[in-house]
Amino acid sequence: MAKNTGQTGPRAASAAAKTLASPSATKAEKSAAASALAQTKTADQTGPRAASAAAKTLASPSATKAEKSAAASALAQTPSHK
């Protein structure tokens, strides 16, 4: 498995912060947002549980654009499979 060195950018970090502050965000949405925020300015990767939460967020019809942005950022930082 190759190391993915992607980092959360400023726009995705802002979306993740909005998701964490949202009282209506679900546990899965907040988990994905927290994973994305944890990966700002670091080469850490999204773990399997956070990746699963991010996938649920992306599939959720009720998730906001900010929540989906944070989830996409977290998923983009999962380990690469080569």
N, C-alpha and C. Protein backbone atom coordinates (compact mmCIF):
# COMPACT_ATOMS: atom_id res chain seq x y z
N MET A 1 0.84 -1.16 0.00
CA MET A 1 0.00 0.00 0.00
C MET A 1 0.89 1.24 0.00
N ALA A 2 0.66 2.14 -0.95
CA ALA A 2 1.46 3.36 -1.05
C ALA A 2 0.93 4.43 -0.11
N LYS A 3 1.82 5.28 0.34
CA LYS A 3 1.44 6.37 1.25
C LYS A 3 0.84 7.52 0.44
N ASN A 4 -0.31 8.00 0.87
CA ASN A 4 -0.96 9.15 0.25
C ASN A 4 -0.56 10.37 1.07
N THR A 5 0.13 11.31 0.48
CA THR A 5 0.64 12.46 1.22
C THR A 5 -0.24 13.70 1.05
N GLY A 6 -1.47 13.52 0.56
CA GLY A 6 -2.38 14.65 0.38
C GLY A 6 -2.72 15.30 1.71
N GLN A 7 -3.05 16.57 1.66
CA GLN A 7 -3.43 17.31 2.86
C GLN A 7 -4.75 18.03 2.60
N THR A 8 -5.47 18.31 3.67
CA THR A 8 -6.71 19.07 3.57
C THR A 8 -6.38 20.52 3.27
N GLY A 9 -6.96 21.05 2.23
CA GLY A 9 -6.74 22.45 1.85
C GLY A 9 -7.60 23.40 2.67
N PRO A 10 -7.36 24.70 2.51
CA PRO A 10 -8.08 25.70 3.31
C PRO A 10 -9.60 25.70 3.12
N ARG A 11 -10.06 25.50 1.89
CA ARG A 11 -11.51 25.50 1.65
C ARG A 11 -12.18 24.29 2.29
N ALA A 12 -11.55 23.12 2.16
CA ALA A 12 -12.10 21.91 2.77
C ALA A 12 -12.03 22.00 4.29
N ALA A 13 -10.97 22.61 4.82
CA ALA A 13 -10.84 22.77 6.27
C ALA A 13 -11.95 23.67 6.80
N SER A 14 -12.26 24.73 6.05
CA SER A 14 -13.34 25.63 6.45
C SER A 14 -14.68 24.89 6.44
N ALA A 15 -14.90 24.08 5.43
CA ALA A 15 -16.14 23.29 5.35
C ALA A 15 -16.21 22.29 6.51
N ALA A 16 -15.08 21.70 6.85
CA ALA A 16 -15.04 20.74 7.96
C ALA A 16 -15.36 21.44 9.28
N ALA A 17 -14.83 22.62 9.47
CA ALA A 17 -15.10 23.38 10.70
C ALA A 17 -16.58 23.72 10.80
N LYS A 18 -17.20 24.09 9.68
CA LYS A 18 -18.64 24.39 9.68
C LYS A 18 -19.44 23.14 10.03
N THR A 19 -19.00 22.00 9.51
CA THR A 19 -19.70 20.74 9.80
C THR A 19 -19.60 20.42 11.29
N LEU A 20 -18.42 20.57 11.87
CA LEU A 20 -18.27 20.27 13.30
C LEU A 20 -19.10 21.21 14.17
N ALA A 21 -19.30 22.44 13.72
CA ALA A 21 -20.07 23.41 14.50
C ALA A 21 -21.58 23.27 14.29
N SER A 22 -21.98 22.52 13.28
CA SER A 22 -23.39 22.38 12.95
C SER A 22 -24.12 21.46 13.93
N PRO A 23 -25.19 21.96 14.57
CA PRO A 23 -25.95 21.10 15.49
C PRO A 23 -26.73 20.02 14.75
N SER A 24 -26.95 20.19 13.45
CA SER A 24 -27.74 19.21 12.71
C SER A 24 -26.88 18.14 12.03
N ALA A 25 -25.56 18.27 12.08
CA ALA A 25 -24.69 17.27 11.45
C ALA A 25 -24.75 15.95 12.22
N THR A 26 -24.75 14.86 11.48
CA THR A 26 -24.80 13.53 12.11
C THR A 26 -23.42 13.15 12.66
N LYS A 27 -23.40 12.09 13.41
CA LYS A 27 -22.13 11.58 13.96
C LYS A 27 -21.16 11.22 12.83
N ALA A 28 -21.66 10.59 11.77
CA ALA A 28 -20.81 10.20 10.64
C ALA A 28 -20.24 11.44 9.95
N GLU A 29 -21.08 12.46 9.77
CA GLU A 29 -20.63 13.68 9.12
C GLU A 29 -19.56 14.39 9.95
N LYS A 30 -19.76 14.41 11.26
CA LYS A 30 -18.76 15.04 12.14
C LYS A 30 -17.47 14.24 12.19
N SER A 31 -17.58 12.91 12.11
CA SER A 31 -16.38 12.07 12.11
C SER A 31 -15.55 12.33 10.86
N ALA A 32 -16.22 12.42 9.71
CA ALA A 32 -15.51 12.69 8.46
C ALA A 32 -14.87 14.08 8.50
N ALA A 33 -15.59 15.05 9.05
CA ALA A 33 -15.06 16.41 9.15
C ALA A 33 -13.85 16.47 10.08
N ALA A 34 -13.94 15.76 11.18
CA ALA A 34 -12.82 15.75 12.13
C ALA A 34 -11.58 15.12 11.49
N SER A 35 -11.78 14.06 10.71
CA SER A 35 -10.66 13.43 10.02
C SER A 35 -10.02 14.40 9.04
N ALA A 36 -10.84 15.12 8.29
CA ALA A 36 -10.31 16.08 7.33
C ALA A 36 -9.53 17.19 8.04
N LEU A 37 -10.07 17.70 9.15
CA LEU A 37 -9.38 18.76 9.89
C LEU A 37 -8.08 18.26 10.50
N ALA A 38 -8.06 17.02 10.94
CA ALA A 38 -6.86 16.46 11.55
C ALA A 38 -5.72 16.34 10.55
N GLN A 39 -6.06 16.42 9.26
CA GLN A 39 -5.05 16.22 8.22
C GLN A 39 -4.63 17.52 7.54
N THR A 40 -4.85 18.64 8.19
CA THR A 40 -4.34 19.89 7.65
C THR A 40 -2.88 20.01 8.06
N LYS A 41 -2.05 20.34 7.11
CA LYS A 41 -0.61 20.53 7.33
C LYS A 41 0.08 19.31 7.94
N THR A 42 -0.36 18.12 7.56
CA THR A 42 0.26 16.87 8.00
C THR A 42 0.07 15.82 6.91
N ALA A 43 0.87 14.81 6.93
CA ALA A 43 0.75 13.73 5.94
C ALA A 43 -0.02 12.54 6.50
N ASP A 44 -0.74 12.74 7.61
CA ASP A 44 -1.54 11.65 8.17
C ASP A 44 -2.60 11.21 7.17
N GLN A 45 -3.10 9.99 7.34
CA GLN A 45 -4.08 9.45 6.41
C GLN A 45 -5.38 9.14 7.13
N THR A 46 -6.46 9.10 6.36
CA THR A 46 -7.77 8.74 6.88
C THR A 46 -7.81 7.25 7.18
N GLY A 47 -8.25 6.91 8.37
CA GLY A 47 -8.38 5.51 8.77
C GLY A 47 -9.66 4.89 8.23
N PRO A 48 -9.80 3.57 8.37
CA PRO A 48 -10.96 2.88 7.80
C PRO A 48 -12.30 3.33 8.39
N ARG A 49 -12.36 3.59 9.69
CA ARG A 49 -13.63 4.01 10.29
C ARG A 49 -14.04 5.39 9.79
N ALA A 50 -13.09 6.32 9.72
CA ALA A 50 -13.39 7.67 9.23
C ALA A 50 -13.74 7.62 7.75
N ALA A 51 -13.08 6.75 6.99
CA ALA A 51 -13.39 6.61 5.57
C ALA A 51 -14.81 6.10 5.37
N SER A 52 -15.22 5.17 6.22
CA SER A 52 -16.59 4.65 6.15
C SER A 52 -17.60 5.76 6.47
N ALA A 53 -17.29 6.57 7.49
CA ALA A 53 -18.17 7.69 7.85
C ALA A 53 -18.23 8.70 6.71
N ALA A 54 -17.10 8.95 6.07
CA ALA A 54 -17.06 9.88 4.95
C ALA A 54 -17.91 9.37 3.78
N ALA A 55 -17.82 8.08 3.51
CA ALA A 55 -18.61 7.49 2.42
C ALA A 55 -20.10 7.62 2.71
N LYS A 56 -20.50 7.40 3.96
CA LYS A 56 -21.90 7.55 4.35
C LYS A 56 -22.36 8.99 4.17
N THR A 57 -21.49 9.92 4.51
CA THR A 57 -21.82 11.34 4.36
C THR A 57 -22.03 11.69 2.89
N LEU A 58 -21.14 11.22 2.03
CA LEU A 58 -21.28 11.50 0.60
C LEU A 58 -22.55 10.90 0.02
N ALA A 59 -22.98 9.77 0.55
CA ALA A 59 -24.18 9.10 0.04
C ALA A 59 -25.46 9.67 0.63
N SER A 60 -25.35 10.47 1.68
CA SER A 60 -26.52 11.00 2.36
C SER A 60 -27.18 12.14 1.58
N PRO A 61 -28.46 11.99 1.27
CA PRO A 61 -29.14 13.07 0.56
C PRO A 61 -29.36 14.31 1.42
N SER A 62 -29.27 14.16 2.74
CA SER A 62 -29.51 15.30 3.63
C SER A 62 -28.23 16.05 4.01
N ALA A 63 -27.08 15.53 3.61
CA ALA A 63 -25.81 16.19 3.94
C ALA A 63 -25.68 17.49 3.14
N THR A 64 -25.16 18.51 3.80
CA THR A 64 -24.97 19.81 3.14
C THR A 64 -23.74 19.77 2.24
N LYS A 65 -23.59 20.82 1.45
CA LYS A 65 -22.43 20.93 0.57
C LYS A 65 -21.13 20.96 1.39
N ALA A 66 -21.14 21.67 2.51
CA ALA A 66 -19.95 21.75 3.36
C ALA A 66 -19.61 20.38 3.96
N GLU A 67 -20.63 19.65 4.39
CA GLU A 67 -20.41 18.32 4.96
C GLU A 67 -19.84 17.37 3.91
N LYS A 68 -20.37 17.45 2.71
CA LYS A 68 -19.86 16.58 1.63
C LYS A 68 -18.46 16.98 1.21
N SER A 69 -18.15 18.26 1.25
CA SER A 69 -16.80 18.72 0.92
C SER A 69 -15.78 18.17 1.91
N ALA A 70 -16.12 18.23 3.20
CA ALA A 70 -15.22 17.71 4.23
C ALA A 70 -15.05 16.20 4.08
N ALA A 71 -16.15 15.52 3.78
CA ALA A 71 -16.09 14.06 3.61
C ALA A 71 -15.23 13.69 2.40
N ALA A 72 -15.37 14.43 1.32
CA ALA A 72 -14.57 14.15 0.12
C ALA A 72 -13.09 14.36 0.40
N SER A 73 -12.77 15.38 1.17
CA SER A 73 -11.38 15.63 1.51
C SER A 73 -10.82 14.47 2.34
N ALA A 74 -11.60 14.01 3.28
CA ALA A 74 -11.15 12.87 4.11
C ALA A 74 -10.94 11.63 3.25
N LEU A 75 -11.87 11.37 2.33
CA LEU A 75 -11.74 10.17 1.46
C LEU A 75 -10.55 10.29 0.52
N ALA A 76 -10.24 11.49 0.09
CA ALA A 76 -9.11 11.69 -0.82
C ALA A 76 -7.78 11.38 -0.12
N GLN A 77 -7.81 11.30 1.19
CA GLN A 77 -6.58 11.07 1.94
C GLN A 77 -6.51 9.67 2.56
N THR A 78 -7.21 8.74 1.94
CA THR A 78 -7.10 7.35 2.36
C THR A 78 -5.87 6.75 1.70
N PRO A 79 -5.31 5.70 2.29
CA PRO A 79 -4.11 5.09 1.69
C PRO A 79 -4.39 4.62 0.26
N SER A 80 -3.43 4.84 -0.61
CA SER A 80 -3.54 4.40 -2.00
C SER A 80 -3.29 2.91 -2.09
N HIS A 81 -4.03 2.24 -2.91
CA HIS A 81 -3.84 0.79 -3.14
C HIS A 81 -3.23 0.61 -4.51
N LYS A 82 -2.00 0.12 -4.56
CA LYS A 82 -1.33 -0.09 -5.85
C LYS A 82 -0.95 -1.54 -6.00
